Amino acid sequence: MVEADQGEDFANDERRQHDRSRLIVDLHFDGAESTGVASTKDLSLGGLYMSTRTEIPVGVTLALRIPVGNEHVVVKGEVVYSNLGQGVGVKFQDLSEDARELIQQAMPQT
């Protein structure tokens, strides 16, 4: 389980403002020269970690299309952490109130 936790390093306690929930869904990403489908590993109102073998450098802005129930949340996010060949951490940018509500509904209640 150590490998699964490596992606969590991108946002340490000092930078993380939102609680994360384990939520695995397939999302579509598009940005710079990178387009594809990836699986989320965890999700919060501040961002997500997605598993992908695609090389996406830190600083790239991605358009994300995340399925939530019967709808899709479309949001832009900046890659803030990259674990080459395994995944990236993405911080949401300008999350709308509608998107925020949908994401909150999708997150498992603890």
C-alpha atoms as a PDB file:
ATOM      1  CA  MET A   1       0.000   0.000   0.000  1.00  0.00           C
ATOM      2  CA  VAL A   2       3.028   2.278   0.170  1.00  0.00           C
ATOM      3  CA  GLU A   3       2.925   2.873  -3.595  1.00  0.00           C
ATOM      4  CA  ALA A   4      -0.739   3.929  -3.412  1.00  0.00           C
ATOM      5  CA  ASP A   5       0.124   6.625  -0.901  1.00  0.00           C
ATOM      6  CA  GLN A   6       2.940   8.211  -2.923  1.00  0.00           C
ATOM      7  CA  GLY A   7       0.502  10.445  -4.806  1.00  0.00           C
ATOM      8  CA  GLU A   8      -0.576  12.008  -1.572  1.00  0.00           C
ATOM      9  CA  ASP A   9       2.774  13.757  -1.200  1.00  0.00           C
ATOM     10  CA  PHE A  10       1.811  16.438  -3.725  1.00  0.00           C
ATOM     11  CA  ALA A  11      -0.309  18.293  -1.214  1.00  0.00           C
ATOM     12  CA  ASN A  12       1.056  18.179   2.285  1.00  0.00           C
ATOM     13  CA  ASP A  13      -0.884  19.364   5.321  1.00  0.00           C
ATOM     14  CA  GLU A  14       0.348  22.943   4.905  1.00  0.00           C
ATOM     15  CA  ARG A  15      -1.028  23.208   1.356  1.00  0.00           C
ATOM     16  CA  ARG A  16      -4.155  21.049   1.646  1.00  0.00           C
ATOM     17  CA  GLN A  17      -7.283  23.016   2.467  1.00  0.00           C
ATOM     18  CA  HIS A  18      -9.892  20.323   1.758  1.00  0.00           C
ATOM     19  CA  ASP A  19     -10.451  16.803   3.052  1.00  0.00           C
ATOM     20  CA  ARG A  20      -9.948  14.144   0.403  1.00  0.00           C
ATOM     21  CA  SER A  21     -12.162  11.139  -0.208  1.00  0.00           C
ATOM     22  CA  ARG A  22     -11.232   7.968  -2.006  1.00  0.00           C
ATOM     23  CA  LEU A  23     -13.303   8.064  -5.166  1.00  0.00           C
ATOM     24  CA  ILE A  24     -12.401   6.081  -8.245  1.00  0.00           C
ATOM     25  CA  VAL A  25     -14.017   7.207 -11.498  1.00  0.00           C
ATOM     26  CA  ASP A  26     -12.735   7.478 -15.044  1.00  0.00           C
ATOM     27  CA  LEU A  27     -12.340  11.036 -16.240  1.00  0.00           C
ATOM     28  CA  HIS A  28     -11.309  12.674 -19.487  1.00  0.00           C
ATOM     29  CA  PHE A  29      -8.431  15.158 -19.501  1.00  0.00           C
ATOM     30  CA  ASP A  30      -7.185  17.551 -22.152  1.00  0.00           C
ATOM     31  CA  GLY A  31      -4.395  20.097 -22.004  1.00  0.00           C
ATOM     32  CA  ALA A  32      -1.070  21.085 -23.531  1.00  0.00           C
ATOM     33  CA  GLU A  33      -0.134  18.056 -25.632  1.00  0.00           C
ATOM     34  CA  SER A  34      -1.895  15.580 -23.340  1.00  0.00           C
ATOM     35  CA  THR A  35      -5.332  14.112 -23.950  1.00  0.00           C
ATOM     36  CA  GLY A  36      -6.770  10.907 -22.580  1.00  0.00           C
ATOM     37  CA  VAL A  37      -8.713   9.030 -19.976  1.00  0.00           C
ATOM     38  CA  ALA A  38      -7.458   8.463 -16.442  1.00  0.00           C
ATOM     39  CA  SER A  39      -8.828   7.118 -13.171  1.00  0.00           C
ATOM     40  CA  THR A  40      -9.135   9.256 -10.096  1.00  0.00           C
ATOM     41  CA  LYS A  41      -7.601   7.934  -6.935  1.00  0.00           C
ATOM     42  CA  ASP A  42      -8.970  10.519  -4.568  1.00  0.00           C
ATOM     43  CA  LEU A  43     -10.997  13.694  -4.846  1.00  0.00           C
ATOM     44  CA  SER A  44     -11.618  16.822  -2.811  1.00  0.00           C
ATOM     45  CA  LEU A  45     -13.162  20.213  -3.413  1.00  0.00           C
ATOM     46  CA  GLY A  46      -9.615  21.460  -3.995  1.00  0.00           C
ATOM     47  CA  GLY A  47      -8.458  18.904  -6.554  1.00  0.00           C
ATOM     48  CA  LEU A  48      -7.725  15.274  -7.279  1.00  0.00           C
ATOM     49  CA  TYR A  49      -5.061  12.707  -7.948  1.00  0.00           C
ATOM     50  CA  MET A  50      -5.420  10.821 -11.199  1.00  0.00           C
ATOM     51  CA  SER A  51      -3.613   7.671 -12.221  1.00  0.00           C
ATOM     52  CA  THR A  52      -2.169   7.914 -15.725  1.00  0.00           C
ATOM     53  CA  ARG A  53       0.936   6.757 -17.547  1.00  0.00           C
ATOM     54  CA  THR A  54       0.793   9.919 -19.676  1.00  0.00           C
ATOM     55  CA  GLU A  55       3.659  12.289 -18.920  1.00  0.00           C
ATOM     56  CA  ILE A  56       2.080  15.574 -17.827  1.00  0.00           C
ATOM     57  CA  PRO A  57       4.501  18.183 -16.469  1.00  0.00           C
ATOM     58  CA  VAL A  58       3.886  20.311 -13.391  1.00  0.00           C
ATOM     59  CA  GLY A  59       2.343  23.658 -14.294  1.00  0.00           C
ATOM     60  CA  VAL A  60       0.181  22.390 -17.171  1.00  0.00           C
ATOM     61  CA  THR A  61      -3.483  23.431 -17.100  1.00  0.00           C
ATOM     62  CA  LEU A  62      -5.898  20.613 -17.905  1.00  0.00           C
ATOM     63  CA  ALA A  63      -9.571  20.645 -18.765  1.00  0.00           C
ATOM     64  CA  LEU A  64     -11.163  17.786 -16.811  1.00  0.00           C
ATOM     65  CA  ARG A  65     -14.513  16.133 -17.434  1.00  0.00           C
ATOM     66  CA  ILE A  66     -15.473  14.156 -14.350  1.00  0.00           C
ATOM     67  CA  PRO A  67     -18.580  11.925 -14.306  1.00  0.00           C
ATOM     68  CA  VAL A  68     -20.706  12.541 -11.238  1.00  0.00           C
ATOM     69  CA  GLY A  69     -23.902  10.520 -11.057  1.00  0.00           C
ATOM     70  CA  ASN A  70     -25.820  11.174 -14.275  1.00  0.00           C
ATOM     71  CA  GLU A  71     -23.934  14.409 -14.963  1.00  0.00           C
ATOM     72  CA  HIS A  72     -20.403  15.588 -15.722  1.00  0.00           C
ATOM     73  CA  VAL A  73     -18.404  18.247 -13.937  1.00  0.00           C
ATOM     74  CA  VAL A  74     -16.181  20.201 -16.306  1.00  0.00           C
ATOM     75  CA  VAL A  75     -13.386  22.067 -14.546  1.00  0.00           C
ATOM     76  CA  LYS A  76      -9.910  23.405 -15.212  1.00  0.00           C
ATOM     77  CA  GLY A  77      -7.050  22.325 -13.002  1.00  0.00           C
ATOM     78  CA  GLU A  78      -3.322  22.876 -12.700  1.00  0.00           C
ATOM     79  CA  VAL A  79      -0.927  19.960 -12.368  1.00  0.00           C
ATOM     80  CA  VAL A  80       0.875  20.559  -9.066  1.00  0.00           C
ATOM     81  CA  TYR A  81       2.550  17.163  -8.660  1.00  0.00           C
ATOM     82  CA  SER A  82       3.767  14.614 -11.202  1.00  0.00           C
ATOM     83  CA  ASN A  83       4.806  11.054 -10.455  1.00  0.00           C
ATOM     84  CA  LEU A  84       6.181  10.001 -13.843  1.00  0.00           C
ATOM     85  CA  GLY A  85       4.423   6.952 -15.254  1.00  0.00           C
ATOM     86  CA  GLN A  86       1.988   6.716 -12.347  1.00  0.00           C
ATOM     87  CA  GLY A  87      -0.123   9.846 -12.059  1.00  0.00           C
ATOM     88  CA  VAL A  88      -0.511  13.529 -11.309  1.00  0.00           C
ATOM     89  CA  GLY A  89      -1.995  15.722  -8.618  1.00  0.00           C
ATOM     90  CA  VAL A  90      -4.303  18.430  -9.932  1.00  0.00           C
ATOM     91  CA  LYS A  91      -5.493  21.564  -8.139  1.00  0.00           C
ATOM     92  CA  PHE A  92      -8.859  22.863  -9.340  1.00  0.00           C
ATOM     93  CA  GLN A  93      -9.055  26.425 -10.651  1.00  0.00           C
ATOM     94  CA  ASP A  94     -12.193  28.555 -10.311  1.00  0.00           C
ATOM     95  CA  LEU A  95     -14.558  25.764  -9.267  1.00  0.00           C
ATOM     96  CA  SER A  96     -18.138  26.941  -9.897  1.00  0.00           C
ATOM     97  CA  GLU A  97     -20.760  26.583  -7.186  1.00  0.00           C
ATOM     98  CA  ASP A  98     -22.632  24.003  -9.303  1.00  0.00           C
ATOM     99  CA  ALA A  99     -19.464  21.949  -9.781  1.00  0.00           C
ATOM    100  CA  ARG A 100     -18.678  22.238  -6.067  1.00  0.00           C
ATOM    101  CA  GLU A 101     -22.131  20.891  -5.137  1.00  0.00           C
ATOM    102  CA  LEU A 102     -21.892  17.974  -7.587  1.00  0.00           C
ATOM    103  CA  ILE A 103     -18.432  16.994  -6.348  1.00  0.00           C
ATOM    104  CA  GLN A 104     -19.571  17.211  -2.738  1.00  0.00           C
ATOM    105  CA  GLN A 105     -22.529  14.926  -3.503  1.00  0.00           C
ATOM    106  CA  ALA A 106     -20.222  12.398  -5.191  1.00  0.00           C
ATOM    107  CA  MET A 107     -17.781  12.216  -2.297  1.00  0.00           C
ATOM    108  CA  PRO A 108     -18.407   9.275   0.056  1.00  0.00           C
ATOM    109  CA  GLN A 109     -19.814  10.475   3.343  1.00  0.00           C
ATOM    110  CA  THR A 110     -17.622   9.717   6.336  1.00  0.00           C
END
